[in-house]
Protein backbone atom coordinates (compact mmCIF):
# COMPACT_ATOMS: atom_id res chain seq x y z
CA MET A 1 -1.21 35.78 34.83
CA LYS A 2 -2.70 32.43 33.84
CA GLU A 3 -1.46 29.04 34.97
CA ILE A 4 -0.97 26.13 32.58
CA LYS A 5 -1.70 22.88 34.42
CA VAL A 6 -1.35 19.18 33.67
CA PRO A 7 -4.82 18.18 32.40
CA GLU A 8 -6.75 14.99 33.03
CA LEU A 9 -5.10 12.48 30.70
CA ALA A 10 -6.95 9.21 31.21
CA GLU A 11 -8.63 7.34 34.03
CA SER A 12 -5.57 5.16 34.64
CA ILE A 13 -2.93 7.90 34.23
CA THR A 14 -2.36 10.32 37.11
CA GLU A 15 1.26 11.36 36.67
CA GLY A 16 4.07 11.65 34.15
CA THR A 17 7.59 12.90 33.49
CA VAL A 18 8.44 16.07 31.59
CA ALA A 19 10.11 14.78 28.43
CA GLU A 20 10.62 18.02 26.51
CA TRP A 21 9.52 21.66 26.50
CA LEU A 22 8.14 22.56 23.07
CA VAL A 23 8.27 26.34 23.71
CA GLN A 24 10.71 28.81 25.22
CA LYS A 25 10.20 31.62 27.72
CA GLY A 26 8.89 34.65 25.89
CA ASP A 27 7.22 32.61 23.12
CA LYS A 28 3.70 33.57 22.14
CA VAL A 29 1.22 30.68 22.04
CA GLU A 30 -2.39 30.39 20.95
CA LYS A 31 -5.10 28.49 22.77
CA GLY A 32 -4.64 24.79 22.03
CA ASP A 33 -0.97 25.05 21.07
CA PRO A 34 1.25 22.25 22.49
CA VAL A 35 3.75 23.56 25.05
CA LEU A 36 5.17 20.40 26.61
CA GLU A 37 5.65 16.69 25.86
CA LEU A 38 4.82 14.46 28.80
CA GLU A 39 6.02 10.88 29.14
CA THR A 40 3.39 8.73 30.82
CA ASP A 41 3.21 5.08 31.73
CA LYS A 42 1.84 4.19 28.31
CA VAL A 43 2.47 6.89 25.73
CA ASN A 44 3.97 10.34 25.29
CA VAL A 45 1.30 13.04 25.17
CA GLU A 46 1.41 16.74 24.41
CA VAL A 47 0.07 19.21 26.97
CA ASN A 48 -1.68 22.12 25.29
CA SER A 49 -2.15 25.67 26.51
CA GLU A 50 -5.69 26.54 27.55
CA PHE A 51 -5.00 30.23 27.00
CA ALA A 52 -3.46 32.54 24.41
CA GLY A 53 -0.55 34.70 25.50
CA VAL A 54 3.17 34.77 26.24
CA ILE A 55 5.01 32.16 28.28
CA THR A 56 6.62 34.00 31.20
CA GLU A 57 7.83 31.24 33.49
CA PHE A 58 8.46 27.50 33.63
CA MET A 59 7.51 25.86 36.91
CA VAL A 60 9.09 22.49 36.10
CA GLU A 61 12.12 21.32 34.17
CA GLU A 62 12.73 18.42 31.80
CA GLY A 63 12.99 15.19 33.79
CA ASP A 64 10.72 16.38 36.62
CA ASP A 65 7.78 14.20 37.69
CA VAL A 66 4.38 15.93 37.66
CA GLU A 67 0.85 14.94 38.58
CA VAL A 68 -2.53 15.86 37.13
CA GLY A 69 -3.38 19.40 38.24
CA ASP A 70 0.23 20.54 38.80
CA VAL A 71 1.14 23.99 37.46
CA ILE A 72 3.81 23.61 34.79
CA ALA A 73 4.05 27.15 33.43
CA LYS A 74 2.71 30.70 33.72
CA LEU A 75 1.35 32.74 30.85
CA ASP A 76 0.63 36.47 30.39
CA GLU A 77 -2.48 36.97 28.27
CA ASN A 78 -1.57 40.62 27.57
CA GLY A 79 2.11 40.07 26.93
CA GLU A 80 3.97 40.30 23.64
CA ALA A 81 6.45 37.77 22.32
CA GLY A 82 9.98 38.53 23.48
CA ALA A 83 8.85 41.51 25.57
CA SER A 84 9.58 42.01 29.26
CA ASP A 85 6.94 42.12 31.92
CA GLU A 86 6.85 45.94 32.17
CA GLY A 87 3.12 46.03 31.48
CA SER A 88 2.37 43.65 34.31
CA ASP A 89 4.77 45.56 36.57
CA GLU A 90 2.96 48.80 35.84
CA LYS A 91 -0.34 47.19 36.77
CA GLU A 92 1.15 45.87 39.98
CA GLU A 93 2.61 49.32 40.71
CA LYS A 94 -0.80 50.94 40.27
CA LYS A 95 -2.37 48.33 42.55
CA GLU A 96 0.37 48.97 45.08
CA GLU A 97 -0.14 52.74 44.98
CA ALA A 98 -3.92 52.35 45.31
CA SER A 99 -3.52 50.06 48.31
CA LYS A 100 -1.14 52.56 49.90
CA GLU A 101 -3.66 55.38 49.53
CA GLU A 102 -6.35 53.28 51.17
CA LYS A 103 -4.11 52.33 54.04
CA GLN A 104 -2.93 55.93 54.61
CA SER A 105 -6.36 56.89 55.92
CA SER A 106 -6.87 53.82 58.09
CA ASP A 107 -3.47 52.60 59.23
CA LYS A 108 -0.87 55.29 59.99
CA PRO A 109 1.60 53.02 61.85
CA GLU A 110 1.75 50.76 58.81
CA LYS A 111 2.36 53.81 56.63
CA GLU A 112 5.26 54.89 58.81
CA GLU A 113 6.68 51.39 58.73
CA LYS A 114 6.55 51.34 54.93
CA LYS A 115 8.32 54.70 54.77
CA GLU A 116 11.07 53.45 57.02
CA GLU A 117 11.51 50.34 54.88
CA GLU A 118 11.58 52.33 51.66
CA SER A 119 14.06 54.82 53.07
CA SER A 120 16.26 51.98 54.27
CA ASP A 121 16.12 50.49 50.78
CA LYS A 122 17.34 53.77 49.31
CA GLY A 123 20.16 54.02 51.74
CA ASN A 124 21.43 50.52 51.23
CA GLY A 125 23.16 50.93 47.90
CA GLU A 126 20.73 52.84 45.64
CA VAL A 127 18.64 49.78 44.75
CA ILE A 128 16.24 50.55 41.90
CA ALA A 129 13.13 48.42 42.33
CA SER A 130 9.47 48.56 41.42
CA PRO A 131 6.96 48.91 44.28
CA ALA A 132 5.70 45.41 43.48
CA ALA A 133 9.24 44.06 43.84
CA ARG A 134 9.68 45.87 47.17
CA LYS A 135 6.41 44.43 48.43
CA ARG A 136 7.41 40.95 47.32
CA ALA A 137 10.80 41.32 49.01
CA ARG A 138 9.13 42.37 52.30
CA GLU A 139 6.77 39.41 52.13
CA LEU A 140 9.65 36.98 51.59
CA ASN A 141 12.06 38.80 53.93
CA ILE A 142 14.60 39.30 51.11
CA ASP A 143 17.28 42.04 51.06
CA LEU A 144 16.91 43.78 47.70
CA SER A 145 20.61 44.56 47.61
CA GLU A 146 21.26 40.80 47.32
CA VAL A 147 18.86 40.37 44.37
CA SER A 148 20.42 40.28 40.88
CA PRO A 149 18.19 42.14 38.39
CA ARG A 150 17.77 40.78 34.89
CA ASP A 151 16.58 44.14 33.54
CA PRO A 152 19.31 45.81 31.42
CA LEU A 153 18.65 49.06 33.31
CA GLY A 154 19.26 47.36 36.64
CA ARG A 155 15.67 47.61 37.89
CA VAL A 156 14.58 44.84 40.27
CA ARG A 157 11.24 43.28 39.38
CA PRO A 158 9.05 40.80 41.28
CA GLU A 159 10.27 37.83 39.24
CA ASP A 160 13.85 38.70 40.19
CA VAL A 161 12.88 38.42 43.84
CA ASP A 162 11.16 35.08 43.18
CA HIS A 163 14.22 33.89 41.30
CA ALA A 164 16.41 34.79 44.26
CA VAL A 165 14.15 32.76 46.54
CA GLN A 166 14.19 29.80 44.16
CA GLY A 167 17.94 30.04 44.09
CA GLY A 168 17.95 29.46 47.80
CA LYS A 169 15.56 26.56 47.49
CA GLU A 170 17.66 24.97 44.78
CA GLU A 171 20.31 24.28 47.38
CA LYS A 172 18.29 21.29 48.56
CA PRO A 173 18.28 19.48 45.22
CA ALA A 174 21.98 20.27 44.99
CA LYS A 175 22.48 18.60 48.33
CA GLN A 176 20.39 15.68 47.19
CA GLN A 177 22.54 15.38 44.09
CA LYS A 178 25.62 15.41 46.27
CA GLU A 179 24.07 12.74 48.44
CA SER A 180 23.09 10.65 45.41
CA LYS A 181 26.60 10.71 44.00
CA PRO A 182 28.04 8.53 46.77
CA LYS A 183 25.20 6.05 46.13
CA GLN A 184 26.04 5.96 42.43
CA GLN A 185 29.71 5.67 43.23
CA SER A 186 28.99 2.85 45.66
CA THR A 187 26.99 1.04 42.93
CA GLU A 188 29.85 1.44 40.50
CA SER A 189 32.33 0.32 43.15
CA GLU A 190 30.54 -3.05 43.31
CA PHE A 191 32.10 -3.89 39.95
CA ASP A 192 35.77 -4.35 39.19
CA LYS A 193 35.27 -3.07 35.64
CA PRO A 194 33.59 0.08 34.26
CA VAL A 195 29.78 0.21 34.32
CA ASP A 196 27.19 2.81 33.32
CA VAL A 197 24.41 3.45 35.88
CA GLN A 198 21.29 4.69 34.05
CA LYS A 199 17.90 5.79 35.30
CA MET A 200 14.99 3.73 33.96
CA SER A 201 12.43 5.68 31.96
CA ARG A 202 8.91 5.91 33.35
CA ARG A 203 7.60 3.61 30.62
CA ARG A 204 10.29 1.01 31.27
CA GLN A 205 9.48 1.11 35.00
CA THR A 206 5.79 0.59 34.19
CA ILE A 207 6.53 -2.29 31.81
CA ALA A 208 8.67 -3.94 34.48
CA LYS A 209 5.98 -3.51 37.13
CA ARG A 210 3.16 -4.80 34.93
CA LEU A 211 5.10 -7.87 33.85
CA VAL A 212 5.95 -8.78 37.44
CA ASP A 213 2.35 -8.13 38.54
CA ALA A 214 1.05 -10.38 35.75
CA GLN A 215 3.19 -13.24 37.01
CA GLN A 216 2.36 -12.67 40.67
CA ASN A 217 -1.39 -12.11 40.28
CA SER A 218 -2.25 -14.91 37.86
CA ALA A 219 -1.82 -18.67 37.63
CA MET A 220 0.04 -18.40 34.34
CA LEU A 221 0.76 -21.52 32.35
CA THR A 222 2.01 -22.02 28.77
CA THR A 223 1.18 -24.74 26.27
CA PHE A 224 2.94 -25.29 22.93
CA ASN A 225 2.27 -26.65 19.49
CA GLU A 226 3.78 -26.44 16.02
CA VAL A 227 2.21 -25.31 12.77
CA ASP A 228 3.00 -26.40 9.23
CA MET A 229 3.11 -23.12 7.30
CA THR A 230 3.22 -24.74 3.83
CA ASN A 231 -0.32 -23.90 2.75
CA VAL A 232 -0.31 -20.36 4.14
CA MET A 233 2.98 -19.61 2.39
CA LYS A 234 1.68 -21.13 -0.84
CA LEU A 235 -1.55 -19.13 -0.71
CA ARG A 236 0.34 -15.97 0.19
CA SER A 237 2.74 -16.49 -2.71
CA GLN A 238 -0.17 -16.98 -5.14
CA ARG A 239 -2.21 -13.99 -4.01
CA LYS A 240 0.33 -11.43 -2.73
CA ASP A 241 0.72 -9.49 -6.01
CA LYS A 242 -3.01 -9.18 -6.69
CA PHE A 243 -3.63 -8.44 -3.01
CA LEU A 244 -1.09 -5.61 -3.04
CA GLU A 245 -2.45 -4.21 -6.30
CA LYS A 246 -6.04 -4.27 -5.06
CA HIS A 247 -5.62 -3.15 -1.45
CA ASP A 248 -2.31 -1.23 -1.53
CA ILE A 249 -1.03 -3.28 1.42
CA LYS A 250 1.07 -6.43 1.60
CA LEU A 251 -0.49 -9.73 2.68
CA GLY A 252 1.39 -10.83 5.79
CA PHE A 253 1.10 -13.65 8.30
CA MET A 254 -0.45 -11.50 11.04
CA SER A 255 -3.83 -11.28 9.33
CA PHE A 256 -4.00 -15.10 9.08
CA PHE A 257 -3.18 -15.55 12.76
CA THR A 258 -5.55 -12.76 13.82
CA LYS A 259 -8.40 -14.40 11.92
CA ALA A 260 -7.50 -17.80 13.36
CA VAL A 261 -7.41 -16.40 16.90
CA VAL A 262 -10.82 -14.78 16.49
CA GLY A 263 -12.26 -18.05 15.22
CA ALA A 264 -10.78 -19.99 18.14
CA LEU A 265 -11.98 -17.42 20.67
CA LYS A 266 -15.53 -17.88 19.44
CA GLU A 267 -15.23 -21.60 20.16
CA PHE A 268 -13.45 -21.11 23.52
CA PRO A 269 -14.88 -17.85 24.94
CA LEU A 270 -13.19 -18.10 28.36
CA LEU A 271 -9.92 -17.11 26.71
CA ASN A 272 -11.66 -13.85 25.76
CA ALA A 273 -12.57 -13.06 29.37
CA GLU A 274 -11.10 -11.47 32.48
CA ILE A 275 -11.44 -11.74 36.25
CA ARG A 276 -12.60 -8.72 38.24
CA ASP A 277 -12.03 -8.42 42.00
CA ASN A 278 -11.51 -12.20 42.16
CA LYS A 279 -15.30 -12.51 42.25
CA GLU A 280 -16.67 -11.81 38.79
CA LEU A 281 -15.93 -13.40 35.44
CA ILE A 282 -16.43 -11.00 32.51
CA VAL A 283 -16.79 -12.83 29.20
CA LYS A 284 -16.35 -10.34 26.36
CA LYS A 285 -18.58 -10.53 23.31
CA PHE A 286 -16.23 -8.40 21.22
CA TYR A 287 -12.87 -9.22 19.67
CA ASP A 288 -10.38 -6.41 20.15
CA ILE A 289 -7.01 -8.04 19.47
CA GLY A 290 -3.85 -6.45 20.87
CA ILE A 291 -0.76 -6.64 18.67
CA ALA A 292 2.53 -6.36 20.59
CA VAL A 293 4.91 -3.88 18.94
CA SER A 294 8.51 -3.26 19.92
CA ALA A 295 9.08 0.52 19.95
CA GLU A 296 12.26 2.42 20.77
CA GLU A 297 11.09 3.27 24.29
CA GLY A 298 9.68 -0.16 25.08
CA LEU A 299 6.98 -2.68 24.25
CA VAL A 300 3.51 -1.33 23.48
CA VAL A 301 0.30 -3.19 22.61
CA PRO A 302 -2.03 -1.22 20.32
CA VAL A 303 -5.43 -2.77 19.71
CA VAL A 304 -7.11 -3.81 16.46
CA ARG A 305 -10.76 -3.03 17.22
CA ASP A 306 -13.52 -5.43 16.13
CA ALA A 307 -11.11 -7.73 14.32
CA ASP A 308 -13.95 -10.14 13.64
CA ARG A 309 -15.59 -7.55 11.37
CA LEU A 310 -12.45 -6.79 9.35
CA ASP A 311 -11.29 -8.64 6.25
CA PHE A 312 -7.65 -9.59 5.68
CA ALA A 313 -6.85 -6.25 4.05
CA GLY A 314 -8.52 -4.32 6.86
CA ILE A 315 -6.50 -6.18 9.49
CA GLU A 316 -3.22 -5.69 7.61
CA LYS A 317 -3.88 -1.96 7.17
CA GLU A 318 -4.80 -1.50 10.81
CA ILE A 319 -1.71 -3.37 12.03
CA ALA A 320 0.54 -1.37 9.69
CA SER A 321 -0.99 1.92 10.83
CA LEU A 322 -0.72 1.10 14.53
CA GLY A 323 2.82 -0.20 14.11
CA LYS A 324 3.96 3.01 12.41
CA LYS A 325 2.34 5.13 15.12
CA ALA A 326 4.07 3.04 17.78
CA ARG A 327 7.48 3.47 16.18
CA ASP A 328 6.88 7.21 15.70
CA ASN A 329 5.68 7.50 19.31
CA LYS A 330 2.31 8.86 18.20
CA LEU A 331 -0.08 6.29 19.61
CA GLY A 332 -3.10 7.65 21.45
CA LEU A 333 -4.25 6.29 24.79
CA ASP A 334 -7.53 5.13 23.26
CA GLU A 335 -5.56 2.97 20.80
CA MET A 336 -3.96 0.96 23.63
CA GLN A 337 -6.85 0.34 25.99
CA GLY A 338 -9.51 -2.32 26.21
CA GLY A 339 -7.99 -5.26 24.33
CA SER A 340 -9.49 -8.72 24.93
CA PHE A 341 -6.61 -10.95 23.71
CA THR A 342 -3.03 -10.36 22.57
CA ILE A 343 -0.76 -11.71 19.82
CA THR A 344 3.02 -11.26 19.98
CA ASN A 345 5.45 -12.22 17.22
CA GLY A 346 8.96 -12.86 18.48
CA GLY A 347 9.77 -14.54 15.19
CA ILE A 348 10.57 -11.22 13.53
CA PHE A 349 13.60 -11.05 15.86
CA GLY A 350 14.55 -14.69 15.27
CA SER A 351 12.94 -16.24 18.35
CA MET A 352 12.40 -19.97 17.96
CA LEU A 353 10.47 -20.58 21.17
CA SER A 354 9.28 -18.47 24.12
CA THR A 355 6.71 -18.25 26.91
CA PRO A 356 4.85 -14.96 26.44
CA ILE A 357 3.68 -13.14 29.58
CA LEU A 358 0.00 -12.25 29.94
CA ASN A 359 -1.12 -8.70 29.22
CA ALA A 360 -3.26 -8.22 32.34
CA PRO A 361 -6.18 -8.24 32.85
CA GLN A 362 -6.41 -10.45 29.77
CA VAL A 363 -6.20 -14.20 30.34
CA GLY A 364 -4.65 -15.30 27.05
CA ILE A 365 -1.75 -14.38 24.76
CA LEU A 366 -0.54 -16.17 21.61
CA GLY A 367 3.16 -16.22 20.82
CA MET A 368 4.36 -16.63 17.21
CA HIS A 369 7.94 -17.55 16.35
CA ASN A 370 10.26 -17.81 13.37
CA ILE A 371 9.69 -20.23 10.53
CA GLN A 372 12.27 -22.96 10.09
CA LYS A 373 12.48 -25.79 7.59
CA ARG A 374 12.44 -29.15 9.36
CA ALA A 375 12.17 -32.77 8.34
CA MET A 376 8.64 -33.92 9.15
CA VAL A 377 7.10 -37.40 9.06
CA MET A 378 3.98 -37.25 6.90
CA PRO A 379 0.79 -39.34 7.38
CA ASP A 380 2.05 -41.91 4.83
CA ASP A 381 5.32 -42.21 6.78
CA SER A 382 7.26 -40.35 4.12
CA ILE A 383 9.64 -37.63 5.22
CA GLU A 384 9.34 -34.12 3.79
CA VAL A 385 11.01 -30.81 4.51
CA ARG A 386 8.34 -28.40 5.70
CA PRO A 387 8.37 -24.77 6.93
CA MET A 388 7.40 -25.10 10.58
CA MET A 389 6.56 -22.57 13.29
CA TYR A 390 6.28 -23.17 17.03
CA ILE A 391 3.32 -21.38 18.61
CA ALA A 392 2.74 -20.85 22.32
CA LEU A 393 -0.34 -19.97 24.34
CA SER A 394 0.05 -18.52 27.82
CA TYR A 395 -3.19 -18.50 29.79
CA ASP A 396 -4.54 -17.84 33.28
CA HIS A 397 -5.22 -21.24 34.81
CA ARG A 398 -7.62 -19.68 37.33
CA ILE A 399 -10.40 -19.60 34.74
CA VAL A 400 -9.02 -21.53 31.76
CA ASP A 401 -8.50 -25.25 32.17
CA GLY A 402 -5.65 -27.04 30.45
CA ALA A 403 -7.99 -28.93 28.13
CA GLU A 404 -9.53 -25.70 26.83
CA ALA A 405 -6.14 -24.09 26.33
CA VAL A 406 -4.75 -27.06 24.41
CA GLN A 407 -7.85 -27.29 22.21
CA PHE A 408 -7.72 -23.56 21.54
CA LEU A 409 -4.14 -23.84 20.30
CA VAL A 410 -4.96 -26.93 18.23
CA ARG A 411 -7.85 -25.03 16.61
CA VAL A 412 -5.50 -22.15 15.70
CA LYS A 413 -3.08 -24.71 14.24
CA GLU A 414 -5.84 -26.34 12.15
CA MET A 415 -7.04 -23.05 10.69
CA ILE A 416 -3.52 -21.92 9.79
CA GLU A 417 -2.75 -25.26 8.14
CA ASP A 418 -5.99 -25.00 6.14
CA PRO A 419 -6.13 -21.31 5.22
CA TYR A 420 -8.69 -21.84 2.47
CA ASP A 421 -11.18 -22.94 5.09
CA LEU A 422 -10.12 -19.94 7.16
CA LEU A 423 -10.81 -17.63 4.21
CA LEU A 424 -14.27 -19.11 3.73
CA GLU A 425 -15.14 -18.85 7.42
CA GLY A 426 -13.63 -15.37 7.66
């Protein structure tokens, strides 16, 4: 028998929740085949079998919490799909007989004791059991007459004995469930009208914890500005058809803002830094921009690597690819780690103004919002209707002063309002 264990997932991930079994008992798997989907703090990952064989037993159920190194299933390398464990039983029987022969010459009292136990088994209701099952029952102090065999012929096997023991242990969770019911009922009784008490998913718990930690462990402050989107929208309208034809991807607003953020970070590098152990300031010389994506199971922030080296088409393709993976729940851990700055766009949901929360340990996050036509006073005092967007920058005041933050946001505004200059600099 081989044990399938939870492997090392990532440096920051040590536990997870069993989301779904991808195989059934009796299924034959090859080495590397996925057997289980595990929900972690960041993404869902598949746990693969390190051996080829037949799944004989599940050690955990869906919804159970497991840690790295925990045994989740057992596998028989010599088994056949859908077959019983007769082969393994025969091996155990041979081992049992061999051990008996050895002990007969060295330990007669033990031999007599075994005979008495076997004879008592025969006299207690004609229990048919393999020697391995009898040995297992003696070790666990189980009466074989109380064990329900799963073999069609009524033969008790070792796993039947183990199942009987687990049945006894399952009484505790049952008690816990009974104890938890009054708690749930007491929660529901707090309300005069019907409510639905739901357990938070592991990812939602992690999101909640990280957001609270970001507010408690940083001196977070937000500054605002507004951007005239006239020129960007004009340029986008002029170039979108040729852009799509040439690059097979639509020209969106995210590539403009990503390029503008990279340009501003180069001028104000402290917003591309982080604090370590409250003693060191790490200023990053790379520009890995996180793009917040709303997925079904919660907010995730995949990272566009080396955004400064990508053109507009490269950025749009990377954002589209990461967004699709996020929605399909197929993001890898390496695609979500190591960002240096984050952009979030609440405007796609209709948000007019917000204060984005830092994505620790980063010290800056830019919030985009929806575009609304507003009457604006122009430099010549004329009034024109312009498409305007509010933008917000949340930053860690421990290392970024207000003057730097305001100038950073103004620089982003200037580059968005003059996208031709942005294209040339990009």
